[in-house]
């Protein structure tokens, strides 16, 4: 069942949307890195790899935040007040 303030639920929805956007950007950056390697530009691919590393940290952080809010908002067997 659902149990959390509307503000928290709204924030959860926003985080879910943000996560989708960031994951899409991450995939595009992976494609750019692969392209740079293919055309013989490893130095640019290395910079892109560092950006990907930071993006992955951001993805993991947001996933943890989502999990925390979901555990707060969706409580089995209880109803929202």
C-alpha atoms as a PDB file:
ATOM      1  CA  UNK A   1       0.000   0.000   0.000  1.00  0.00           C
ATOM      2  CA  UNK A   2       0.943   3.640  -0.357  1.00  0.00           C
ATOM      3  CA  UNK A   3       2.084   5.661   2.646  1.00  0.00           C
ATOM      4  CA  UNK A   4       4.090   8.863   2.425  1.00  0.00           C
ATOM      5  CA  UNK A   5       3.520  12.604   2.092  1.00  0.00           C
ATOM      6  CA  UNK A   6       2.573  13.913  -1.335  1.00  0.00           C
ATOM      7  CA  UNK A   7       5.851  15.861  -1.475  1.00  0.00           C
ATOM      8  CA  UNK A   8       7.874  12.667  -1.062  1.00  0.00           C
ATOM      9  CA  UNK A   9       5.849  10.865  -3.691  1.00  0.00           C
ATOM     10  CA  UNK A  10       6.256  13.788  -6.084  1.00  0.00           C
ATOM     11  CA  UNK A  11       9.999  13.777  -5.431  1.00  0.00           C
ATOM     12  CA  UNK A  12      10.105  10.025  -6.059  1.00  0.00           C
ATOM     13  CA  UNK A  13       8.418  10.504  -9.430  1.00  0.00           C
ATOM     14  CA  UNK A  14      10.865  13.261 -10.323  1.00  0.00           C
ATOM     15  CA  UNK A  15      13.832  11.084  -9.375  1.00  0.00           C
ATOM     16  CA  UNK A  16      12.511   8.244 -11.524  1.00  0.00           C
ATOM     17  CA  UNK A  17      12.222  10.590 -14.505  1.00  0.00           C
ATOM     18  CA  UNK A  18      15.681  12.006 -13.839  1.00  0.00           C
ATOM     19  CA  UNK A  19      17.119   8.506 -13.692  1.00  0.00           C
ATOM     20  CA  UNK A  20      15.703   7.675 -17.113  1.00  0.00           C
ATOM     21  CA  UNK A  21      17.232  10.837 -18.561  1.00  0.00           C
ATOM     22  CA  UNK A  22      20.632  10.206 -17.020  1.00  0.00           C
ATOM     23  CA  UNK A  23      20.674   6.583 -18.199  1.00  0.00           C
ATOM     24  CA  UNK A  24      19.875   7.730 -21.741  1.00  0.00           C
ATOM     25  CA  UNK A  25      22.704  10.270 -21.620  1.00  0.00           C
ATOM     26  CA  UNK A  26      24.997   7.584 -20.229  1.00  0.00           C
ATOM     27  CA  UNK A  27      24.257   5.256 -23.152  1.00  0.00           C
ATOM     28  CA  UNK A  28      24.966   8.071 -25.612  1.00  0.00           C
ATOM     29  CA  UNK A  29      28.286   8.775 -23.921  1.00  0.00           C
ATOM     30  CA  UNK A  30      29.165   5.070 -24.183  1.00  0.00           C
ATOM     31  CA  UNK A  31      28.452   5.220 -27.901  1.00  0.00           C
ATOM     32  CA  UNK A  32      30.639   8.317 -28.296  1.00  0.00           C
ATOM     33  CA  UNK A  33      33.480   6.645 -26.392  1.00  0.00           C
ATOM     34  CA  UNK A  34      33.232   3.565 -28.605  1.00  0.00           C
ATOM     35  CA  UNK A  35      33.212   5.750 -31.713  1.00  0.00           C
ATOM     36  CA  UNK A  36      36.305   7.648 -30.587  1.00  0.00           C
ATOM     37  CA  UNK A  37      38.124   4.370 -30.033  1.00  0.00           C
ATOM     38  CA  UNK A  38      37.011   3.101 -33.448  1.00  0.00           C
ATOM     39  CA  UNK A  39      38.341   6.181 -35.255  1.00  0.00           C
ATOM     40  CA  UNK A  40      41.659   6.072 -33.408  1.00  0.00           C
ATOM     41  CA  UNK A  41      41.154   8.837 -30.857  1.00  0.00           C
ATOM     42  CA  UNK A  42      41.942   7.057 -27.577  1.00  0.00           C
ATOM     43  CA  UNK A  43      42.748  10.305 -25.734  1.00  0.00           C
ATOM     44  CA  UNK A  44      39.215  11.599 -26.333  1.00  0.00           C
ATOM     45  CA  UNK A  45      37.800   8.172 -25.480  1.00  0.00           C
ATOM     46  CA  UNK A  46      39.684   8.323 -22.162  1.00  0.00           C
ATOM     47  CA  UNK A  47      38.105  11.672 -21.282  1.00  0.00           C
ATOM     48  CA  UNK A  48      34.696  10.235 -22.144  1.00  0.00           C
ATOM     49  CA  UNK A  49      35.445   7.213 -19.949  1.00  0.00           C
ATOM     50  CA  UNK A  50      36.103   9.496 -16.979  1.00  0.00           C
ATOM     51  CA  UNK A  51      32.808  11.268 -17.628  1.00  0.00           C
ATOM     52  CA  UNK A  52      31.092   7.867 -17.756  1.00  0.00           C
ATOM     53  CA  UNK A  53      32.580   6.960 -14.398  1.00  0.00           C
ATOM     54  CA  UNK A  54      31.061  10.061 -12.811  1.00  0.00           C
ATOM     55  CA  UNK A  55      27.757   9.387 -14.552  1.00  0.00           C
ATOM     56  CA  UNK A  56      27.674   5.887 -13.135  1.00  0.00           C
ATOM     57  CA  UNK A  57      28.211   7.258  -9.626  1.00  0.00           C
ATOM     58  CA  UNK A  58      25.276   9.623 -10.167  1.00  0.00           C
ATOM     59  CA  UNK A  59      23.085   6.779 -11.437  1.00  0.00           C
ATOM     60  CA  UNK A  60      23.888   4.619  -8.396  1.00  0.00           C
ATOM     61  CA  UNK A  61      23.208   7.510  -6.006  1.00  0.00           C
ATOM     62  CA  UNK A  62      19.808   8.218  -7.559  1.00  0.00           C
ATOM     63  CA  UNK A  63      18.926   4.513  -7.558  1.00  0.00           C
ATOM     64  CA  UNK A  64      19.645   4.387  -3.807  1.00  0.00           C
ATOM     65  CA  UNK A  65      17.501   7.468  -3.216  1.00  0.00           C
ATOM     66  CA  UNK A  66      14.661   5.915  -5.194  1.00  0.00           C
ATOM     67  CA  UNK A  67      14.911   2.674  -3.239  1.00  0.00           C
ATOM     68  CA  UNK A  68      14.826   4.591   0.035  1.00  0.00           C
ATOM     69  CA  UNK A  69      11.748   6.572  -0.970  1.00  0.00           C
ATOM     70  CA  UNK A  70      10.014   3.477  -2.321  1.00  0.00           C
ATOM     71  CA  UNK A  71      10.525   1.691   0.984  1.00  0.00           C
ATOM     72  CA  UNK A  72       9.068   4.713   2.747  1.00  0.00           C
ATOM     73  CA  UNK A  73       6.138   5.237   0.347  1.00  0.00           C
ATOM     74  CA  UNK A  74       5.094   1.676  -0.390  1.00  0.00           C
ATOM     75  CA  UNK A  75       4.546  -0.266   2.798  1.00  0.00           C
ATOM     76  CA  UNK A  76       3.034  -3.720   2.473  1.00  0.00           C
ATOM     77  CA  UNK A  77      -0.278  -4.076   4.242  1.00  0.00           C
ATOM     78  CA  UNK A  78      -0.626  -0.440   5.308  1.00  0.00           C
ATOM     79  CA  UNK A  79      -2.788   2.280   3.823  1.00  0.00           C
ATOM     80  CA  UNK A  80      -1.977   5.899   3.140  1.00  0.00           C
ATOM     81  CA  UNK A  81      -3.355   8.325   5.701  1.00  0.00           C
END
